[in-house]
C-alpha atoms as a PDB file:
ATOM      1  CA  MET A   1     157.437  55.450  76.425  1.00  0.00           C
ATOM      2  CA  PRO A   2     154.728  56.495  78.880  1.00  0.00           C
ATOM      3  CA  ASP A   3     151.099  55.651  78.192  1.00  0.00           C
ATOM      4  CA  LEU A   4     150.174  58.590  75.979  1.00  0.00           C
ATOM      5  CA  GLY A   5     146.508  57.831  76.471  1.00  0.00           C
ATOM      6  CA  GLU A   6     146.887  59.047  80.056  1.00  0.00           C
ATOM      7  CA  VAL A   7     148.089  62.530  79.052  1.00  0.00           C
ATOM      8  CA  ASP A   8     145.740  65.321  80.136  1.00  0.00           C
ATOM      9  CA  CYS A   9     145.745  67.775  77.222  1.00  0.00           C
ATOM     10  CA  ASP A  10     143.675  70.277  79.205  1.00  0.00           C
ATOM     11  CA  ARG A  11     146.980  71.008  80.923  1.00  0.00           C
ATOM     12  CA  ASP A  12     150.052  72.334  79.148  1.00  0.00           C
ATOM     13  CA  VAL A  13     152.112  69.413  77.860  1.00  0.00           C
ATOM     14  CA  VAL A  14     155.858  69.691  77.257  1.00  0.00           C
ATOM     15  CA  PHE A  15     157.413  66.765  75.416  1.00  0.00           C
ATOM     16  CA  THR A  16     160.169  65.668  73.075  1.00  0.00           C
ATOM     17  CA  TRP A  17     158.973  64.197  69.777  1.00  0.00           C
ATOM     18  CA  ASN A  18     162.140  62.157  69.323  1.00  0.00           C
ATOM     19  CA  GLY A  19     164.458  61.012  72.096  1.00  0.00           C
ATOM     20  CA  THR A  20     168.110  60.760  71.116  1.00  0.00           C
ATOM     21  CA  THR A  21     169.022  59.105  74.429  1.00  0.00           C
ATOM     22  CA  SER A  22     166.867  56.016  73.978  1.00  0.00           C
ATOM     23  CA  GLY A  23     166.085  55.873  70.264  1.00  0.00           C
ATOM     24  CA  VAL A  24     162.362  56.314  70.900  1.00  0.00           C
ATOM     25  CA  ARG A  25     159.938  58.666  69.157  1.00  0.00           C
ATOM     26  CA  VAL A  26     156.304  59.620  69.512  1.00  0.00           C
ATOM     27  CA  PRO A  27     154.609  57.502  66.807  1.00  0.00           C
ATOM     28  CA  ASN A  28     151.951  60.123  66.025  1.00  0.00           C
ATOM     29  CA  ALA A  29     149.904  62.944  67.547  1.00  0.00           C
ATOM     30  CA  ASP A  30     146.645  61.019  67.856  1.00  0.00           C
ATOM     31  CA  TRP A  31     146.873  61.301  71.654  1.00  0.00           C
ATOM     32  CA  ILE A  32     146.678  65.116  71.479  1.00  0.00           C
ATOM     33  CA  ALA A  33     143.073  66.337  71.642  1.00  0.00           C
ATOM     34  CA  ALA A  34     142.012  68.736  68.886  1.00  0.00           C
ATOM     35  CA  ASP A  35     139.834  70.605  71.401  1.00  0.00           C
ATOM     36  CA  ARG A  36     142.530  70.743  74.079  1.00  0.00           C
ATOM     37  CA  LYS A  37     142.586  73.612  76.570  1.00  0.00           C
ATOM     38  CA  GLY A  38     146.308  73.417  77.248  1.00  0.00           C
ATOM     39  CA  LEU A  39     149.260  74.131  74.996  1.00  0.00           C
ATOM     40  CA  THR A  40     151.444  71.442  73.469  1.00  0.00           C
ATOM     41  CA  ILE A  41     155.099  72.486  73.607  1.00  0.00           C
ATOM     42  CA  CYS A  42     157.252  70.189  71.492  1.00  0.00           C
ATOM     43  CA  ASP A  43     161.018  69.856  71.216  1.00  0.00           C
ATOM     44  CA  ALA A  44     161.368  68.488  67.679  1.00  0.00           C
ATOM     45  CA  THR A  45     165.133  68.912  67.469  1.00  0.00           C
ATOM     46  CA  SER A  46     165.977  65.453  66.138  1.00  0.00           C
ATOM     47  CA  ALA A  47     162.622  64.905  64.425  1.00  0.00           C
ATOM     48  CA  ALA A  48     162.208  67.945  62.163  1.00  0.00           C
ATOM     49  CA  PHE A  49     162.533  67.176  58.426  1.00  0.00           C
ATOM     50  CA  ALA A  50     162.906  63.448  59.147  1.00  0.00           C
ATOM     51  CA  GLN A  51     159.611  62.609  60.851  1.00  0.00           C
ATOM     52  CA  ASP A  52     156.001  63.570  60.181  1.00  0.00           C
ATOM     53  CA  LEU A  53     155.177  66.316  62.678  1.00  0.00           C
ATOM     54  CA  ASP A  54     151.440  66.963  63.055  1.00  0.00           C
ATOM     55  CA  PHE A  55     151.630  70.754  63.240  1.00  0.00           C
ATOM     56  CA  PRO A  56     147.887  71.409  63.819  1.00  0.00           C
ATOM     57  CA  LYS A  57     148.334  69.497  67.099  1.00  0.00           C
ATOM     58  CA  LEU A  58     151.481  71.423  68.116  1.00  0.00           C
ATOM     59  CA  ASP A  59     151.348  74.921  69.604  1.00  0.00           C
ATOM     60  CA  VAL A  60     155.046  75.548  70.183  1.00  0.00           C
ATOM     61  CA  VAL A  61     157.700  73.717  68.153  1.00  0.00           C
ATOM     62  CA  THR A  62     161.447  74.104  68.437  1.00  0.00           C
ATOM     63  CA  PHE A  63     164.254  72.477  66.503  1.00  0.00           C
ATOM     64  CA  SER A  64     167.919  73.133  65.887  1.00  0.00           C
ATOM     65  CA  TRP A  65     169.746  73.421  62.592  1.00  0.00           C
ATOM     66  CA  GLN A  66     172.354  71.058  63.981  1.00  0.00           C
ATOM     67  CA  LYS A  67     170.284  67.887  64.046  1.00  0.00           C
ATOM     68  CA  ALA A  68     167.768  68.598  61.299  1.00  0.00           C
ATOM     69  CA  LEU A  69     170.083  70.075  58.698  1.00  0.00           C
ATOM     70  CA  GLY A  70     173.588  69.143  59.768  1.00  0.00           C
ATOM     71  CA  GLY A  71     174.418  72.757  60.624  1.00  0.00           C
ATOM     72  CA  GLU A  72     175.903  74.669  63.527  1.00  0.00           C
ATOM     73  CA  ALA A  73     174.790  74.004  67.088  1.00  0.00           C
ATOM     74  CA  ALA A  74     173.387  76.792  69.308  1.00  0.00           C
ATOM     75  CA  HIS A  75     170.985  78.006  66.617  1.00  0.00           C
ATOM     76  CA  GLY A  76     167.350  77.053  66.412  1.00  0.00           C
ATOM     77  CA  VAL A  77     163.871  77.734  65.132  1.00  0.00           C
ATOM     78  CA  LEU A  78     160.740  78.572  67.123  1.00  0.00           C
ATOM     79  CA  ILE A  79     157.279  78.060  65.601  1.00  0.00           C
ATOM     80  CA  LEU A  80     154.197  79.420  67.404  1.00  0.00           C
ATOM     81  CA  SER A  81     150.547  78.619  66.775  1.00  0.00           C
ATOM     82  CA  PRO A  82     147.812  81.276  67.151  1.00  0.00           C
ATOM     83  CA  ARG A  83     146.930  79.636  70.486  1.00  0.00           C
ATOM     84  CA  ALA A  84     150.498  80.090  71.694  1.00  0.00           C
ATOM     85  CA  VAL A  85     150.495  83.730  70.595  1.00  0.00           C
ATOM     86  CA  ALA A  86     147.230  84.292  72.468  1.00  0.00           C
ATOM     87  CA  ARG A  87     148.801  82.826  75.615  1.00  0.00           C
ATOM     88  CA  LEU A  88     151.842  85.051  75.287  1.00  0.00           C
ATOM     89  CA  GLU A  89     149.679  88.144  74.917  1.00  0.00           C
ATOM     90  CA  SER A  90     147.451  87.272  77.883  1.00  0.00           C
ATOM     91  CA  TYR A  91     149.916  85.810  80.379  1.00  0.00           C
ATOM     92  CA  LYS A  92     151.576  88.123  82.883  1.00  0.00           C
ATOM     93  CA  PRO A  93     154.833  86.701  84.290  1.00  0.00           C
ATOM     94  CA  ASP A  94     155.200  87.036  88.068  1.00  0.00           C
ATOM     95  CA  ARG A  95     158.926  87.773  87.717  1.00  0.00           C
ATOM     96  CA  PRO A  96     161.207  89.779  85.434  1.00  0.00           C
ATOM     97  CA  LEU A  97     162.301  88.007  82.261  1.00  0.00           C
ATOM     98  CA  PRO A  98     165.743  88.456  80.679  1.00  0.00           C
ATOM     99  CA  LYS A  99     165.544  90.339  77.407  1.00  0.00           C
ATOM    100  CA  ILE A 100     166.501  87.282  75.379  1.00  0.00           C
ATOM    101  CA  PHE A 101     163.350  85.481  76.609  1.00  0.00           C
ATOM    102  CA  ARG A 102     160.884  88.290  75.981  1.00  0.00           C
ATOM    103  CA  LEU A 103     158.482  87.629  73.116  1.00  0.00           C
ATOM    104  CA  THR A 104     155.950  90.355  73.887  1.00  0.00           C
ATOM    105  CA  LYS A 105     155.970  94.101  74.238  1.00  0.00           C
ATOM    106  CA  GLY A 106     152.983  96.106  75.414  1.00  0.00           C
ATOM    107  CA  ASP A 107     150.898  92.916  75.694  1.00  0.00           C
ATOM    108  CA  LYS A 108     151.457  92.171  72.006  1.00  0.00           C
ATOM    109  CA  LEU A 109     153.638  89.626  70.276  1.00  0.00           C
ATOM    110  CA  LEU A 110     157.072  91.004  69.486  1.00  0.00           C
ATOM    111  CA  ALA A 111     156.589  90.254  65.794  1.00  0.00           C
ATOM    112  CA  GLU A 112     159.909  91.721  64.690  1.00  0.00           C
ATOM    113  CA  VAL A 113     161.667  88.749  66.321  1.00  0.00           C
ATOM    114  CA  PHE A 114     160.098  86.603  63.591  1.00  0.00           C
ATOM    115  CA  ASP A 115     161.102  89.052  60.860  1.00  0.00           C
ATOM    116  CA  GLY A 116     164.830  88.877  61.499  1.00  0.00           C
ATOM    117  CA  ALA A 117     165.351  91.345  64.369  1.00  0.00           C
ATOM    118  CA  THR A 118     168.121  90.244  66.723  1.00  0.00           C
ATOM    119  CA  ILE A 119     169.543  91.344  70.050  1.00  0.00           C
ATOM    120  CA  ASN A 120     173.061  90.819  68.758  1.00  0.00           C
ATOM    121  CA  THR A 121     174.319  90.044  65.266  1.00  0.00           C
ATOM    122  CA  PRO A 122     174.359  86.289  64.587  1.00  0.00           C
ATOM    123  CA  SER A 123     176.968  84.636  62.422  1.00  0.00           C
ATOM    124  CA  MET A 124     176.116  85.244  58.786  1.00  0.00           C
ATOM    125  CA  LEU A 125     178.117  82.136  57.890  1.00  0.00           C
ATOM    126  CA  CYS A 126     175.681  80.099  59.994  1.00  0.00           C
ATOM    127  CA  ILE A 127     172.750  81.727  58.213  1.00  0.00           C
ATOM    128  CA  GLU A 128     174.267  80.936  54.812  1.00  0.00           C
ATOM    129  CA  ASP A 129     174.949  77.383  55.956  1.00  0.00           C
ATOM    130  CA  ALA A 130     171.269  76.954  56.894  1.00  0.00           C
ATOM    131  CA  ILE A 131     170.124  78.401  53.564  1.00  0.00           C
ATOM    132  CA  ASP A 132     172.482  76.068  51.700  1.00  0.00           C
ATOM    133  CA  ALA A 133     171.104  73.088  53.652  1.00  0.00           C
ATOM    134  CA  MET A 134     167.527  74.090  52.827  1.00  0.00           C
ATOM    135  CA  GLU A 135     168.361  74.425  49.141  1.00  0.00           C
ATOM    136  CA  TRP A 136     169.977  70.982  49.243  1.00  0.00           C
ATOM    137  CA  GLY A 137     166.832  69.652  50.922  1.00  0.00           C
ATOM    138  CA  LEU A 138     164.674  71.012  48.122  1.00  0.00           C
ATOM    139  CA  GLU A 139     166.896  69.204  45.630  1.00  0.00           C
ATOM    140  CA  GLN A 140     166.248  65.974  47.555  1.00  0.00           C
ATOM    141  CA  GLY A 141     162.492  66.356  47.158  1.00  0.00           C
ATOM    142  CA  GLY A 142     161.667  68.749  49.965  1.00  0.00           C
ATOM    143  CA  LEU A 143     160.075  67.566  53.191  1.00  0.00           C
ATOM    144  CA  LYS A 144     158.878  64.219  51.850  1.00  0.00           C
ATOM    145  CA  GLY A 145     162.231  63.620  50.209  1.00  0.00           C
ATOM    146  CA  LEU A 146     164.118  64.250  53.444  1.00  0.00           C
ATOM    147  CA  GLN A 147     161.734  62.055  55.417  1.00  0.00           C
ATOM    148  CA  GLY A 148     162.239  59.347  52.814  1.00  0.00           C
ATOM    149  CA  ARG A 149     166.008  59.569  53.171  1.00  0.00           C
ATOM    150  CA  ALA A 150     165.791  59.106  56.947  1.00  0.00           C
ATOM    151  CA  ASP A 151     163.398  56.168  56.544  1.00  0.00           C
ATOM    152  CA  ALA A 152     165.747  54.549  54.008  1.00  0.00           C
ATOM    153  CA  ASN A 153     168.677  55.018  56.384  1.00  0.00           C
ATOM    154  CA  PHE A 154     166.751  53.347  59.194  1.00  0.00           C
ATOM    155  CA  GLU A 155     165.854  50.433  56.928  1.00  0.00           C
ATOM    156  CA  VAL A 156     169.549  49.807  56.246  1.00  0.00           C
ATOM    157  CA  LEU A 157     170.153  49.446  59.979  1.00  0.00           C
ATOM    158  CA  ALA A 158     166.958  47.463  60.571  1.00  0.00           C
ATOM    159  CA  ASP A 159     167.941  44.997  57.841  1.00  0.00           C
ATOM    160  CA  TRP A 160     171.348  44.568  59.460  1.00  0.00           C
ATOM    161  CA  VAL A 161     169.803  43.974  62.903  1.00  0.00           C
ATOM    162  CA  SER A 162     167.468  41.322  61.475  1.00  0.00           C
ATOM    163  CA  LYS A 163     170.508  39.344  60.274  1.00  0.00           C
ATOM    164  CA  THR A 164     172.760  39.929  63.297  1.00  0.00           C
ATOM    165  CA  ASP A 165     172.406  37.937  66.513  1.00  0.00           C
ATOM    166  CA  TRP A 166     174.617  40.037  68.790  1.00  0.00           C
ATOM    167  CA  VAL A 167     172.662  43.285  68.536  1.00  0.00           C
ATOM    168  CA  ALA A 168     169.070  44.455  69.099  1.00  0.00           C
ATOM    169  CA  PHE A 169     167.191  47.732  69.115  1.00  0.00           C
ATOM    170  CA  LEU A 170     167.124  49.401  72.509  1.00  0.00           C
ATOM    171  CA  ALA A 171     163.506  50.446  71.837  1.00  0.00           C
ATOM    172  CA  LYS A 172     161.431  47.267  72.105  1.00  0.00           C
ATOM    173  CA  ASP A 173     158.223  48.623  70.552  1.00  0.00           C
ATOM    174  CA  GLU A 174     158.709  48.807  66.780  1.00  0.00           C
ATOM    175  CA  ALA A 175     156.089  51.566  66.432  1.00  0.00           C
ATOM    176  CA  ASN A 176     158.101  53.852  68.711  1.00  0.00           C
ATOM    177  CA  ARG A 177     161.563  53.369  67.205  1.00  0.00           C
ATOM    178  CA  SER A 178     163.312  56.486  65.996  1.00  0.00           C
ATOM    179  CA  ASN A 179     164.487  56.641  62.392  1.00  0.00           C
ATOM    180  CA  THR A 180     167.127  59.260  63.220  1.00  0.00           C
ATOM    181  CA  SER A 181     168.771  58.504  66.567  1.00  0.00           C
ATOM    182  CA  VAL A 182     168.975  54.728  66.309  1.00  0.00           C
ATOM    183  CA  CYS A 183     170.034  53.060  69.569  1.00  0.00           C
ATOM    184  CA  PHE A 184     171.249  49.479  69.980  1.00  0.00           C
ATOM    185  CA  SER A 185     171.864  47.046  72.824  1.00  0.00           C
ATOM    186  CA  ILE A 186     174.553  44.380  72.712  1.00  0.00           C
ATOM    187  CA  VAL A 187     172.636  41.169  73.453  1.00  0.00           C
ATOM    188  CA  ASP A 188     175.243  38.453  72.927  1.00  0.00           C
ATOM    189  CA  PRO A 189     175.003  36.063  75.923  1.00  0.00           C
ATOM    190  CA  ALA A 190     178.719  36.317  76.624  1.00  0.00           C
ATOM    191  CA  VAL A 191     178.331  40.088  77.035  1.00  0.00           C
ATOM    192  CA  THR A 192     174.986  40.181  78.860  1.00  0.00           C
ATOM    193  CA  ALA A 193     176.425  37.730  81.411  1.00  0.00           C
ATOM    194  CA  LEU A 194     178.932  40.402  82.452  1.00  0.00           C
ATOM    195  CA  ALA A 195     178.384  42.896  85.252  1.00  0.00           C
ATOM    196  CA  ALA A 196     176.855  46.200  84.096  1.00  0.00           C
ATOM    197  CA  ASN A 197     180.160  48.081  84.322  1.00  0.00           C
ATOM    198  CA  LYS A 198     181.902  45.447  82.217  1.00  0.00           C
ATOM    199  CA  GLN A 199     179.116  45.508  79.627  1.00  0.00           C
ATOM    200  CA  ALA A 200     179.634  49.278  79.394  1.00  0.00           C
ATOM    201  CA  ALA A 201     183.391  48.762  79.058  1.00  0.00           C
ATOM    202  CA  PHE A 202     182.832  46.277  76.226  1.00  0.00           C
ATOM    203  CA  ALA A 203     180.686  48.762  74.289  1.00  0.00           C
ATOM    204  CA  LYS A 204     183.179  51.565  74.909  1.00  0.00           C
ATOM    205  CA  ALA A 205     186.004  49.370  73.627  1.00  0.00           C
ATOM    206  CA  MET A 206     184.038  48.750  70.418  1.00  0.00           C
ATOM    207  CA  VAL A 207     183.500  52.479  69.989  1.00  0.00           C
ATOM    208  CA  ALA A 208     187.186  53.195  70.581  1.00  0.00           C
ATOM    209  CA  ARG A 209     188.242  50.550  68.073  1.00  0.00           C
ATOM    210  CA  LEU A 210     185.969  52.029  65.409  1.00  0.00           C
ATOM    211  CA  ASP A 211     187.223  55.515  66.166  1.00  0.00           C
ATOM    212  CA  GLN A 212     190.861  54.430  65.848  1.00  0.00           C
ATOM    213  CA  ALA A 213     190.074  52.732  62.535  1.00  0.00           C
ATOM    214  CA  GLY A 214     188.442  55.902  61.208  1.00  0.00           C
ATOM    215  CA  ALA A 215     185.252  53.925  60.561  1.00  0.00           C
ATOM    216  CA  ALA A 216     182.874  55.692  62.962  1.00  0.00           C
ATOM    217  CA  TYR A 217     183.061  58.455  65.527  1.00  0.00           C
ATOM    218  CA  ASP A 218     181.122  59.096  68.719  1.00  0.00           C
ATOM    219  CA  ILE A 219     178.637  56.246  68.341  1.00  0.00           C
ATOM    220  CA  GLY A 220     178.579  55.175  71.975  1.00  0.00           C
ATOM    221  CA  ALA A 221     175.331  55.183  73.924  1.00  0.00           C
ATOM    222  CA  TYR A 222     174.365  58.387  75.700  1.00  0.00           C
ATOM    223  CA  LYS A 223     175.942  58.639  79.163  1.00  0.00           C
ATOM    224  CA  ASP A 224     172.611  58.205  80.987  1.00  0.00           C
ATOM    225  CA  ALA A 225     171.346  55.403  78.717  1.00  0.00           C
ATOM    226  CA  PRO A 226     172.004  51.661  78.971  1.00  0.00           C
ATOM    227  CA  SER A 227     175.324  50.634  77.457  1.00  0.00           C
ATOM    228  CA  GLY A 228     175.363  50.085  73.731  1.00  0.00           C
ATOM    229  CA  LEU A 229     175.645  52.005  70.467  1.00  0.00           C
ATOM    230  CA  ARG A 230     173.881  55.053  69.050  1.00  0.00           C
ATOM    231  CA  ILE A 231     173.996  55.907  65.330  1.00  0.00           C
ATOM    232  CA  TRP A 232     172.666  59.077  63.713  1.00  0.00           C
ATOM    233  CA  ALA A 233     170.644  58.220  60.616  1.00  0.00           C
ATOM    234  CA  GLY A 234     168.940  61.528  59.839  1.00  0.00           C
ATOM    235  CA  SER A 235     168.238  63.002  56.441  1.00  0.00           C
ATOM    236  CA  THR A 236     171.767  64.333  55.896  1.00  0.00           C
ATOM    237  CA  ILE A 237     173.264  60.831  56.116  1.00  0.00           C
ATOM    238  CA  GLU A 238     173.829  58.670  53.025  1.00  0.00           C
ATOM    239  CA  ALA A 239     172.364  55.151  53.094  1.00  0.00           C
ATOM    240  CA  ASP A 240     175.463  53.803  51.342  1.00  0.00           C
ATOM    241  CA  ASP A 241     177.634  55.067  54.204  1.00  0.00           C
ATOM    242  CA  LEU A 242     175.489  53.131  56.684  1.00  0.00           C
ATOM    243  CA  LYS A 243     175.749  50.026  54.516  1.00  0.00           C
ATOM    244  CA  ALA A 244     179.522  50.440  54.593  1.00  0.00           C
ATOM    245  CA  LEU A 245     179.436  50.880  58.375  1.00  0.00           C
ATOM    246  CA  THR A 246     177.652  47.665  59.317  1.00  0.00           C
ATOM    247  CA  PRO A 247     180.562  45.290  58.478  1.00  0.00           C
ATOM    248  CA  TRP A 248     182.770  47.492  60.650  1.00  0.00           C
ATOM    249  CA  LEU A 249     180.329  47.101  63.521  1.00  0.00           C
ATOM    250  CA  ASP A 250     180.488  43.327  63.117  1.00  0.00           C
ATOM    251  CA  PHE A 251     184.290  43.497  62.991  1.00  0.00           C
ATOM    252  CA  ALA A 252     184.526  45.589  66.168  1.00  0.00           C
ATOM    253  CA  PHE A 253     182.190  43.252  68.039  1.00  0.00           C
ATOM    254  CA  ALA A 254     184.074  40.144  66.923  1.00  0.00           C
ATOM    255  CA  ALA A 255     187.424  41.665  67.878  1.00  0.00           C
ATOM    256  CA  GLU A 256     186.239  42.674  71.344  1.00  0.00           C
ATOM    257  CA  LYS A 257     184.553  39.330  71.954  1.00  0.00           C
ATOM    258  CA  LEU A 258     187.785  37.571  70.999  1.00  0.00           C
ATOM    259  CA  ALA A 259     189.641  39.758  73.496  1.00  0.00           C
ATOM    260  CA  LEU A 260     186.987  38.966  76.117  1.00  0.00           C
ATOM    261  CA  THR A 261     187.373  35.229  75.507  1.00  0.00           C
ATOM    262  CA  ALA A 262     191.149  35.507  75.756  1.00  0.00           C
ATOM    263  CA  ASP A 263     190.894  37.378  79.058  1.00  0.00           C
ATOM    264  CA  ALA A 264     188.535  34.741  80.434  1.00  0.00           C
ATOM    265  CA  ALA A 265     190.969  31.994  79.450  1.00  0.00           C
END
């Protein structure tokens, strides 16, 4: 994480609340000045409904149904503050904007966009899926209930890490660790002694073994991140499933380390 105390909020600030690549999140919005002159533009895709977003400090917020609610990709939500609306109505672009990006007409906010008007007809199945997810979320206790589920999921993984010597959180600062996109490093000395490409191959072999066993899918580290594992623990995940996963992680590590020892011999 950068030093958030160095951020100049008199400029526009564009940031991601939660980083799925590194398992790091913004711990709070205390670094955002209440009397800021700039706009804060926040991608909250993997934070919405699972983390406590400080909306009075956020002028533009986006998130997708995919991460927050387990729905279809390519659909999202845009939330604008009065300050963001004022900017839209006063700013004059120096170039033509494609129709899909236009949010004003005649120097006024294109309010019908926020009332359901569309350029083309979206999938009604996707809309129903989002409504169903929201209704499920209400049954879980609403916003606080969903945040609680994500926190409980993270605690399952944190408890496992505390008892397991071959794995560690990729994010070193506990205050900045994500409770949704949880990223791990493999820290066993026999693995860390390997060249970087062989460490990556070890992690990929673990992921492949878990995939073949039907125990976990697509839990490898992001392609641009250090080698390791990445597990989604958002509100739509069941804590019991994560508890069932951890012995499989230990199994996959042990099996690959045994293979590594045999190769070395």
